[in-house]
């Protein structure tokens, strides 16, 4: 198992306010598979790792621990278009 992968997967899932079942449905696997990834009992294939990274809008490097989250970046994937536009306008004023 890749050190810390399970914790990062669980962190991404909870950050996006998703259940293991919701992630499993989106990726066409069973909830047990997602649970096993998060508990470190199973390692995702390369294809699944890429699918997880795309699903969570993060890099595979982050998931496997090669890249740390950047404190200067903001995850906007959960914002509405209106919120994104307001944030963009705010940042342009800085």
PDB file of N, CA and C in Angstrom:
ATOM      1  N   UNK A   1       0.849  -1.197   0.000  1.00  0.00           N
ATOM      2  CA  UNK A   1       0.000   0.000   0.000  1.00  0.00           C
ATOM      3  C   UNK A   1       0.876   1.236   0.000  1.00  0.00           C
ATOM      4  N   UNK A   2       0.454   2.231  -0.696  1.00  0.00           N
ATOM      5  CA  UNK A   2       1.156   3.510  -0.758  1.00  0.00           C
ATOM      6  C   UNK A   2       0.893   4.251   0.539  1.00  0.00           C
ATOM      7  N   UNK A   3       1.961   4.628   1.223  1.00  0.00           N
ATOM      8  CA  UNK A   3       1.859   5.265   2.532  1.00  0.00           C
ATOM      9  C   UNK A   3       0.996   6.526   2.486  1.00  0.00           C
ATOM     10  N   UNK A   4      -0.075   6.541   3.265  1.00  0.00           N
ATOM     11  CA  UNK A   4      -0.928   7.713   3.368  1.00  0.00           C
ATOM     12  C   UNK A   4      -2.016   7.819   2.317  1.00  0.00           C
ATOM     13  N   UNK A   5      -2.020   6.926   1.341  1.00  0.00           N
ATOM     14  CA  UNK A   5      -3.017   7.008   0.268  1.00  0.00           C
ATOM     15  C   UNK A   5      -4.436   6.915   0.821  1.00  0.00           C
ATOM     16  N   UNK A   6      -4.673   5.964   1.696  1.00  0.00           N
ATOM     17  CA  UNK A   6      -6.011   5.784   2.259  1.00  0.00           C
ATOM     18  C   UNK A   6      -6.515   7.023   2.974  1.00  0.00           C
ATOM     19  N   UNK A   7      -5.622   7.643   3.743  1.00  0.00           N
ATOM     20  CA  UNK A   7      -6.010   8.857   4.468  1.00  0.00           C
ATOM     21  C   UNK A   7      -6.337   9.993   3.504  1.00  0.00           C
ATOM     22  N   UNK A   8      -5.537  10.126   2.447  1.00  0.00           N
ATOM     23  CA  UNK A   8      -5.795  11.193   1.479  1.00  0.00           C
ATOM     24  C   UNK A   8      -7.097  10.941   0.710  1.00  0.00           C
ATOM     25  N   UNK A   9      -7.375   9.685   0.398  1.00  0.00           N
ATOM     26  CA  UNK A   9      -8.638   9.367  -0.278  1.00  0.00           C
ATOM     27  C   UNK A   9      -9.830   9.693   0.622  1.00  0.00           C
ATOM     28  N   UNK A  10      -9.720   9.320   1.888  1.00  0.00           N
ATOM     29  CA  UNK A  10     -10.809   9.611   2.821  1.00  0.00           C
ATOM     30  C   UNK A  10     -10.970  11.121   3.012  1.00  0.00           C
ATOM     31  N   UNK A  11      -9.851  11.826   3.088  1.00  0.00           N
ATOM     32  CA  UNK A  11      -9.894  13.285   3.226  1.00  0.00           C
ATOM     33  C   UNK A  11     -10.603  13.921   2.034  1.00  0.00           C
ATOM     34  N   UNK A  12     -10.266  13.467   0.839  1.00  0.00           N
ATOM     35  CA  UNK A  12     -10.907  14.011  -0.359  1.00  0.00           C
ATOM     36  C   UNK A  12     -12.409  13.730  -0.349  1.00  0.00           C
ATOM     37  N   UNK A  13     -12.767  12.522   0.024  1.00  0.00           N
ATOM     38  CA  UNK A  13     -14.189  12.152   0.039  1.00  0.00           C
ATOM     39  C   UNK A  13     -14.962  12.994   1.048  1.00  0.00           C
ATOM     40  N   UNK A  14     -14.414  13.142   2.250  1.00  0.00           N
ATOM     41  CA  UNK A  14     -15.128  13.917   3.271  1.00  0.00           C
ATOM     42  C   UNK A  14     -15.135  15.403   2.936  1.00  0.00           C
ATOM     43  N   UNK A  15     -14.070  15.897   2.318  1.00  0.00           N
ATOM     44  CA  UNK A  15     -14.039  17.299   1.888  1.00  0.00           C
ATOM     45  C   UNK A  15     -15.150  17.576   0.883  1.00  0.00           C
ATOM     46  N   UNK A  16     -15.400  16.617   0.018  1.00  0.00           N
ATOM     47  CA  UNK A  16     -16.452  16.764  -0.990  1.00  0.00           C
ATOM     48  C   UNK A  16     -17.827  16.349  -0.452  1.00  0.00           C
ATOM     49  N   UNK A  17     -17.870  15.992   0.837  1.00  0.00           N
ATOM     50  CA  UNK A  17     -19.128  15.621   1.510  1.00  0.00           C
ATOM     51  C   UNK A  17     -19.845  14.479   0.789  1.00  0.00           C
ATOM     52  N   UNK A  18     -19.070  13.437   0.511  1.00  0.00           N
ATOM     53  CA  UNK A  18     -19.608  12.275  -0.184  1.00  0.00           C
ATOM     54  C   UNK A  18     -19.516  11.043   0.702  1.00  0.00           C
ATOM     55  N   UNK A  19     -20.426  10.116   0.495  1.00  0.00           N
ATOM     56  CA  UNK A  19     -20.344   8.828   1.179  1.00  0.00           C
ATOM     57  C   UNK A  19     -19.502   7.878   0.329  1.00  0.00           C
ATOM     58  N   UNK A  20     -19.060   6.795   0.943  1.00  0.00           N
ATOM     59  CA  UNK A  20     -18.326   5.790   0.179  1.00  0.00           C
ATOM     60  C   UNK A  20     -19.217   5.222  -0.922  1.00  0.00           C
ATOM     61  N   UNK A  21     -20.492   5.100  -0.636  1.00  0.00           N
ATOM     62  CA  UNK A  21     -21.432   4.572  -1.624  1.00  0.00           C
ATOM     63  C   UNK A  21     -21.524   5.502  -2.836  1.00  0.00           C
ATOM     64  N   UNK A  22     -21.570   6.803  -2.603  1.00  0.00           N
ATOM     65  CA  UNK A  22     -21.661   7.762  -3.711  1.00  0.00           C
ATOM     66  C   UNK A  22     -20.415   7.711  -4.593  1.00  0.00           C
ATOM     67  N   UNK A  23     -19.251   7.610  -3.960  1.00  0.00           N
ATOM     68  CA  UNK A  23     -18.003   7.511  -4.725  1.00  0.00           C
ATOM     69  C   UNK A  23     -18.000   6.209  -5.522  1.00  0.00           C
ATOM     70  N   UNK A  24     -18.397   5.132  -4.874  1.00  0.00           N
ATOM     71  CA  UNK A  24     -18.424   3.828  -5.535  1.00  0.00           C
ATOM     72  C   UNK A  24     -19.345   3.842  -6.754  1.00  0.00           C
ATOM     73  N   UNK A  25     -20.521   4.431  -6.608  1.00  0.00           N
ATOM     74  CA  UNK A  25     -21.456   4.512  -7.738  1.00  0.00           C
ATOM     75  C   UNK A  25     -20.860   5.309  -8.890  1.00  0.00           C
ATOM     76  N   UNK A  26     -20.205   6.410  -8.575  1.00  0.00           N
ATOM     77  CA  UNK A  26     -19.617   7.261  -9.616  1.00  0.00           C
ATOM     78  C   UNK A  26     -18.490   6.551 -10.358  1.00  0.00           C
ATOM     79  N   UNK A  27     -17.767   5.678  -9.641  1.00  0.00           N
ATOM     80  CA  UNK A  27     -16.612   5.003 -10.242  1.00  0.00           C
ATOM     81  C   UNK A  27     -16.914   3.564 -10.654  1.00  0.00           C
ATOM     82  N   UNK A  28     -18.181   3.166 -10.511  1.00  0.00           N
ATOM     83  CA  UNK A  28     -18.621   1.839 -10.931  1.00  0.00           C
ATOM     84  C   UNK A  28     -17.879   0.705 -10.222  1.00  0.00           C
ATOM     85  N   UNK A  29     -17.733   0.862  -8.900  1.00  0.00           N
ATOM     86  CA  UNK A  29     -17.159  -0.193  -8.061  1.00  0.00           C
ATOM     87  C   UNK A  29     -18.071  -0.353  -6.849  1.00  0.00           C
ATOM     88  N   UNK A  30     -17.799  -1.344  -6.031  1.00  0.00           N
ATOM     89  CA  UNK A  30     -18.617  -1.526  -4.831  1.00  0.00           C
ATOM     90  C   UNK A  30     -18.121  -0.610  -3.708  1.00  0.00           C
ATOM     91  N   UNK A  31     -19.003  -0.256  -2.773  1.00  0.00           N
ATOM     92  CA  UNK A  31     -18.567   0.543  -1.626  1.00  0.00           C
ATOM     93  C   UNK A  31     -17.459  -0.136  -0.824  1.00  0.00           C
ATOM     94  N   UNK A  32     -17.438  -1.465  -0.836  1.00  0.00           N
ATOM     95  CA  UNK A  32     -16.387  -2.197  -0.128  1.00  0.00           C
ATOM     96  C   UNK A  32     -15.018  -1.889  -0.711  1.00  0.00           C
ATOM     97  N   UNK A  33     -14.943  -1.729  -2.017  1.00  0.00           N
ATOM     98  CA  UNK A  33     -13.671  -1.394  -2.669  1.00  0.00           C
ATOM     99  C   UNK A  33     -13.173  -0.046  -2.166  1.00  0.00           C
ATOM    100  N   UNK A  34     -14.054   0.949  -2.124  1.00  0.00           N
ATOM    101  CA  UNK A  34     -13.668   2.280  -1.643  1.00  0.00           C
ATOM    102  C   UNK A  34     -13.242   2.196  -0.186  1.00  0.00           C
ATOM    103  N   UNK A  35     -13.988   1.456   0.616  1.00  0.00           N
ATOM    104  CA  UNK A  35     -13.641   1.273   2.028  1.00  0.00           C
ATOM    105  C   UNK A  35     -12.260   0.637   2.173  1.00  0.00           C
ATOM    106  N   UNK A  36     -11.992  -0.386   1.377  1.00  0.00           N
ATOM    107  CA  UNK A  36     -10.687  -1.058   1.443  1.00  0.00           C
ATOM    108  C   UNK A  36      -9.548  -0.141   1.024  1.00  0.00           C
ATOM    109  N   UNK A  37      -9.774   0.715   0.035  1.00  0.00           N
ATOM    110  CA  UNK A  37      -8.756   1.696  -0.349  1.00  0.00           C
ATOM    111  C   UNK A  37      -8.475   2.633   0.819  1.00  0.00           C
ATOM    112  N   UNK A  38      -9.535   3.139   1.436  1.00  0.00           N
ATOM    113  CA  UNK A  38      -9.378   4.112   2.518  1.00  0.00           C
ATOM    114  C   UNK A  38      -8.748   3.494   3.764  1.00  0.00           C
ATOM    115  N   UNK A  39      -9.007   2.217   4.010  1.00  0.00           N
ATOM    116  CA  UNK A  39      -8.420   1.540   5.171  1.00  0.00           C
ATOM    117  C   UNK A  39      -7.012   1.019   4.885  1.00  0.00           C
ATOM    118  N   UNK A  40      -6.575   1.129   3.644  1.00  0.00           N
ATOM    119  CA  UNK A  40      -5.248   0.650   3.282  1.00  0.00           C
ATOM    120  C   UNK A  40      -5.167  -0.847   3.105  1.00  0.00           C
ATOM    121  N   UNK A  41      -6.305  -1.494   2.962  1.00  0.00           N
ATOM    122  CA  UNK A  41      -6.332  -2.945   2.798  1.00  0.00           C
ATOM    123  C   UNK A  41      -6.210  -3.367   1.338  1.00  0.00           C
ATOM    124  N   UNK A  42      -6.353  -2.408   0.457  1.00  0.00           N
ATOM    125  CA  UNK A  42      -6.257  -2.686  -0.979  1.00  0.00           C
ATOM    126  C   UNK A  42      -5.687  -1.456  -1.665  1.00  0.00           C
ATOM    127  N   UNK A  43      -4.860  -1.673  -2.687  1.00  0.00           N
ATOM    128  CA  UNK A  43      -4.262  -0.574  -3.446  1.00  0.00           C
ATOM    129  C   UNK A  43      -4.961  -0.464  -4.796  1.00  0.00           C
ATOM    130  N   UNK A  44      -5.399   0.744  -5.160  1.00  0.00           N
ATOM    131  CA  UNK A  44      -6.059   0.888  -6.462  1.00  0.00           C
ATOM    132  C   UNK A  44      -5.080   0.672  -7.611  1.00  0.00           C
ATOM    133  N   UNK A  45      -5.598   0.172  -8.714  1.00  0.00           N
ATOM    134  CA  UNK A  45      -4.790   0.049  -9.930  1.00  0.00           C
ATOM    135  C   UNK A  45      -4.450   1.448 -10.425  1.00  0.00           C
ATOM    136  N   UNK A  46      -3.531   1.535 -11.365  1.00  0.00           N
ATOM    137  CA  UNK A  46      -3.175   2.833 -11.939  1.00  0.00           C
ATOM    138  C   UNK A  46      -4.401   3.488 -12.571  1.00  0.00           C
ATOM    139  N   UNK A  47      -5.190   2.701 -13.290  1.00  0.00           N
ATOM    140  CA  UNK A  47      -6.390   3.244 -13.925  1.00  0.00           C
ATOM    141  C   UNK A  47      -7.362   3.798 -12.888  1.00  0.00           C
ATOM    142  N   UNK A  48      -7.530   3.067 -11.776  1.00  0.00           N
ATOM    143  CA  UNK A  48      -8.438   3.524 -10.730  1.00  0.00           C
ATOM    144  C   UNK A  48      -7.873   4.745 -10.014  1.00  0.00           C
ATOM    145  N   UNK A  49      -6.565   4.786  -9.825  1.00  0.00           N
ATOM    146  CA  UNK A  49      -5.936   5.949  -9.193  1.00  0.00           C
ATOM    147  C   UNK A  49      -6.183   7.203 -10.035  1.00  0.00           C
ATOM    148  N   UNK A  50      -6.049   7.072 -11.343  1.00  0.00           N
ATOM    149  CA  UNK A  50      -6.315   8.195 -12.248  1.00  0.00           C
ATOM    150  C   UNK A  50      -7.787   8.590 -12.166  1.00  0.00           C
ATOM    151  N   UNK A  51      -8.676   7.605 -12.142  1.00  0.00           N
ATOM    152  CA  UNK A  51     -10.112   7.893 -12.043  1.00  0.00           C
ATOM    153  C   UNK A  51     -10.440   8.602 -10.731  1.00  0.00           C
ATOM    154  N   UNK A  52      -9.825   8.171  -9.641  1.00  0.00           N
ATOM    155  CA  UNK A  52     -10.042   8.817  -8.343  1.00  0.00           C
ATOM    156  C   UNK A  52      -9.553  10.264  -8.361  1.00  0.00           C
ATOM    157  N   UNK A  53      -8.386  10.485  -8.937  1.00  0.00           N
ATOM    158  CA  UNK A  53      -7.838  11.845  -9.008  1.00  0.00           C
ATOM    159  C   UNK A  53      -8.746  12.744  -9.843  1.00  0.00           C
ATOM    160  N   UNK A  54      -9.221  12.248 -10.955  1.00  0.00           N
ATOM    161  CA  UNK A  54     -10.137  13.040 -11.794  1.00  0.00           C
ATOM    162  C   UNK A  54     -11.440  13.325 -11.052  1.00  0.00           C
ATOM    163  N   UNK A  55     -11.948  12.311 -10.381  1.00  0.00           N
ATOM    164  CA  UNK A  55     -13.203  12.456  -9.653  1.00  0.00           C
ATOM    165  C   UNK A  55     -13.083  13.508  -8.551  1.00  0.00           C
ATOM    166  N   UNK A  56     -11.961  13.497  -7.837  1.00  0.00           N
ATOM    167  CA  UNK A  56     -11.757  14.431  -6.728  1.00  0.00           C
ATOM    168  C   UNK A  56     -11.114  15.753  -7.158  1.00  0.00           C
ATOM    169  N   UNK A  57     -10.828  15.905  -8.441  1.00  0.00           N
ATOM    170  CA  UNK A  57     -10.212  17.135  -8.959  1.00  0.00           C
ATOM    171  C   UNK A  57      -8.878  17.425  -8.265  1.00  0.00           C
ATOM    172  N   UNK A  58      -8.053  16.395  -8.166  1.00  0.00           N
ATOM    173  CA  UNK A  58      -6.712  16.565  -7.607  1.00  0.00           C
ATOM    174  C   UNK A  58      -5.746  15.758  -8.473  1.00  0.00           C
ATOM    175  N   UNK A  59      -4.469  15.853  -8.179  1.00  0.00           N
ATOM    176  CA  UNK A  59      -3.486  15.129  -8.985  1.00  0.00           C
ATOM    177  C   UNK A  59      -3.216  13.743  -8.400  1.00  0.00           C
ATOM    178  N   UNK A  60      -2.781  12.844  -9.261  1.00  0.00           N
ATOM    179  CA  UNK A  60      -2.355  11.536  -8.768  1.00  0.00           C
ATOM    180  C   UNK A  60      -1.136  11.695  -7.871  1.00  0.00           C
ATOM    181  N   UNK A  61      -0.280  12.667  -8.180  1.00  0.00           N
ATOM    182  CA  UNK A  61       0.885  12.925  -7.326  1.00  0.00           C
ATOM    183  C   UNK A  61       0.457  13.262  -5.907  1.00  0.00           C
ATOM    184  N   UNK A  62      -0.609  14.039  -5.767  1.00  0.00           N
ATOM    185  CA  UNK A  62      -1.104  14.356  -4.423  1.00  0.00           C
ATOM    186  C   UNK A  62      -1.591  13.085  -3.728  1.00  0.00           C
ATOM    187  N   UNK A  63      -2.383  12.277  -4.432  1.00  0.00           N
ATOM    188  CA  UNK A  63      -2.943  11.082  -3.805  1.00  0.00           C
ATOM    189  C   UNK A  63      -1.867  10.120  -3.321  1.00  0.00           C
ATOM    190  N   UNK A  64      -0.778   9.992  -4.082  1.00  0.00           N
ATOM    191  CA  UNK A  64       0.272   9.047  -3.675  1.00  0.00           C
ATOM    192  C   UNK A  64       1.317   9.680  -2.764  1.00  0.00           C
ATOM    193  N   UNK A  65       1.167  10.974  -2.476  1.00  0.00           N
ATOM    194  CA  UNK A  65       2.045  11.612  -1.499  1.00  0.00           C
ATOM    195  C   UNK A  65       3.260  12.307  -2.058  1.00  0.00           C
ATOM    196  N   UNK A  66       3.359  12.441  -3.384  1.00  0.00           N
ATOM    197  CA  UNK A  66       4.505  13.137  -3.976  1.00  0.00           C
ATOM    198  C   UNK A  66       4.339  14.644  -3.934  1.00  0.00           C
ATOM    199  N   UNK A  67       3.125  15.092  -3.802  1.00  0.00           N
ATOM    200  CA  UNK A  67       2.821  16.519  -3.851  1.00  0.00           C
ATOM    201  C   UNK A  67       1.985  16.871  -2.625  1.00  0.00           C
ATOM    202  N   UNK A  68       2.367  17.925  -1.964  1.00  0.00           N
ATOM    203  CA  UNK A  68       1.610  18.400  -0.807  1.00  0.00           C
ATOM    204  C   UNK A  68       0.575  19.407  -1.284  1.00  0.00           C
ATOM    205  N   UNK A  69      -0.562  19.485  -0.579  1.00  0.00           N
ATOM    206  CA  UNK A  69      -1.532  20.506  -0.977  1.00  0.00           C
ATOM    207  C   UNK A  69      -0.929  21.889  -0.816  1.00  0.00           C
ATOM    208  N   UNK A  70      -1.185  22.737  -1.761  1.00  0.00           N
ATOM    209  CA  UNK A  70      -0.625  24.083  -1.768  1.00  0.00           C
ATOM    210  C   UNK A  70      -1.534  25.009  -0.971  1.00  0.00           C
ATOM    211  N   UNK A  71      -0.970  25.652   0.029  1.00  0.00           N
ATOM    212  CA  UNK A  71      -1.754  26.566   0.862  1.00  0.00           C
ATOM    213  C   UNK A  71      -2.226  27.772   0.065  1.00  0.00           C
ATOM    214  N   UNK A  72      -1.619  28.016  -1.087  1.00  0.00           N
ATOM    215  CA  UNK A  72      -1.989  29.170  -1.902  1.00  0.00           C
ATOM    216  C   UNK A  72      -3.062  28.854  -2.934  1.00  0.00           C
ATOM    217  N   UNK A  73      -3.565  27.643  -2.936  1.00  0.00           N
ATOM    218  CA  UNK A  73      -4.611  27.288  -3.882  1.00  0.00           C
ATOM    219  C   UNK A  73      -5.927  27.089  -3.143  1.00  0.00           C
ATOM    220  N   UNK A  74      -6.984  27.297  -3.857  1.00  0.00           N
ATOM    221  CA  UNK A  74      -8.321  27.155  -3.301  1.00  0.00           C
ATOM    222  C   UNK A  74      -9.064  26.125  -4.139  1.00  0.00           C
ATOM    223  N   UNK A  75      -9.654  25.144  -3.490  1.00  0.00           N
ATOM    224  CA  UNK A  75     -10.462  24.154  -4.189  1.00  0.00           C
ATOM    225  C   UNK A  75     -11.843  24.762  -4.429  1.00  0.00           C
ATOM    226  N   UNK A  76     -12.152  25.030  -5.677  1.00  0.00           N
ATOM    227  CA  UNK A  76     -13.423  25.667  -6.020  1.00  0.00           C
ATOM    228  C   UNK A  76     -14.421  24.682  -6.622  1.00  0.00           C
ATOM    229  N   UNK A  77     -14.101  23.404  -6.584  1.00  0.00           N
ATOM    230  CA  UNK A  77     -14.953  22.417  -7.250  1.00  0.00           C
ATOM    231  C   UNK A  77     -16.353  22.334  -6.647  1.00  0.00           C
ATOM    232  N   UNK A  78     -16.516  22.722  -5.403  1.00  0.00           N
ATOM    233  CA  UNK A  78     -17.820  22.640  -4.757  1.00  0.00           C
ATOM    234  C   UNK A  78     -18.588  23.966  -4.811  1.00  0.00           C
ATOM    235  N   UNK A  79     -18.017  24.987  -5.437  1.00  0.00           N
ATOM    236  CA  UNK A  79     -18.679  26.284  -5.533  1.00  0.00           C
ATOM    237  C   UNK A  79     -19.617  26.333  -6.737  1.00  0.00           C
ATOM    238  N   UNK A  80     -20.647  27.130  -6.618  1.00  0.00           N
ATOM    239  CA  UNK A  80     -21.533  27.357  -7.763  1.00  0.00           C
ATOM    240  C   UNK A  80     -20.823  28.290  -8.739  1.00  0.00           C
ATOM    241  N   UNK A  81     -21.339  28.381  -9.952  1.00  0.00           N
ATOM    242  CA  UNK A  81     -20.754  29.299 -10.939  1.00  0.00           C
ATOM    243  C   UNK A  81     -20.798  30.733 -10.435  1.00  0.00           C
ATOM    244  N   UNK A  82     -21.891  31.096  -9.781  1.00  0.00           N
ATOM    245  CA  UNK A  82     -22.008  32.452  -9.241  1.00  0.00           C
ATOM    246  C   UNK A  82     -20.924  32.708  -8.191  1.00  0.00           C
ATOM    247  N   UNK A  83     -20.710  31.740  -7.303  1.00  0.00           N
ATOM    248  CA  UNK A  83     -19.681  31.885  -6.271  1.00  0.00           C
ATOM    249  C   UNK A  83     -18.288  31.975  -6.892  1.00  0.00           C
ATOM    250  N   UNK A  84     -18.046  31.187  -7.926  1.00  0.00           N
ATOM    251  CA  UNK A  84     -16.752  31.231  -8.609  1.00  0.00           C
ATOM    252  C   UNK A  84     -16.515  32.602  -9.233  1.00  0.00           C
ATOM    253  N   UNK A  85     -17.549  33.148  -9.854  1.00  0.00           N
ATOM    254  CA  UNK A  85     -17.421  34.477 -10.466  1.00  0.00           C
ATOM    255  C   UNK A  85     -17.178  35.553  -9.422  1.00  0.00           C
ATOM    256  N   UNK A  86     -17.871  35.470  -8.295  1.00  0.00           N
ATOM    257  CA  UNK A  86     -17.653  36.435  -7.217  1.00  0.00           C
ATOM    258  C   UNK A  86     -16.232  36.336  -6.672  1.00  0.00           C
ATOM    259  N   UNK A  87     -15.750  35.119  -6.509  1.00  0.00           N
ATOM    260  CA  UNK A  87     -14.384  34.919  -6.026  1.00  0.00           C
ATOM    261  C   UNK A  87     -13.380  35.483  -7.022  1.00  0.00           C
ATOM    262  N   UNK A  88     -13.620  35.246  -8.294  1.00  0.00           N
ATOM    263  CA  UNK A  88     -12.734  35.768  -9.339  1.00  0.00           C
ATOM    264  C   UNK A  88     -12.695  37.295  -9.302  1.00  0.00           C
ATOM    265  N   UNK A  89     -13.857  37.916  -9.183  1.00  0.00           N
ATOM    266  CA  UNK A  89     -13.912  39.382  -9.098  1.00  0.00           C
ATOM    267  C   UNK A  89     -13.169  39.894  -7.868  1.00  0.00           C
ATOM    268  N   UNK A  90     -13.349  39.219  -6.751  1.00  0.00           N
ATOM    269  CA  UNK A  90     -12.666  39.608  -5.521  1.00  0.00           C
ATOM    270  C   UNK A  90     -11.150  39.526  -5.690  1.00  0.00           C
ATOM    271  N   UNK A  91     -10.672  38.433  -6.259  1.00  0.00           N
ATOM    272  CA  UNK A  91      -9.229  38.245  -6.425  1.00  0.00           C
ATOM    273  C   UNK A  91      -8.636  39.243  -7.410  1.00  0.00           C
ATOM    274  N   UNK A  92      -9.409  39.628  -8.400  1.00  0.00           N
ATOM    275  CA  UNK A  92      -8.922  40.627  -9.359  1.00  0.00           C
ATOM    276  C   UNK A  92      -8.759  41.998  -8.708  1.00  0.00           C
ATOM    277  N   UNK A  93      -9.514  42.256  -7.652  1.00  0.00           N
ATOM    278  CA  UNK A  93      -9.439  43.536  -6.951  1.00  0.00           C
ATOM    279  C   UNK A  93      -8.233  43.624  -6.015  1.00  0.00           C
ATOM    280  N   UNK A  94      -7.630  42.499  -5.693  1.00  0.00           N
ATOM    281  CA  UNK A  94      -6.473  42.502  -4.771  1.00  0.00           C
ATOM    282  C   UNK A  94      -5.243  43.101  -5.395  1.00  0.00           C
TER     283      UNK A  94
END
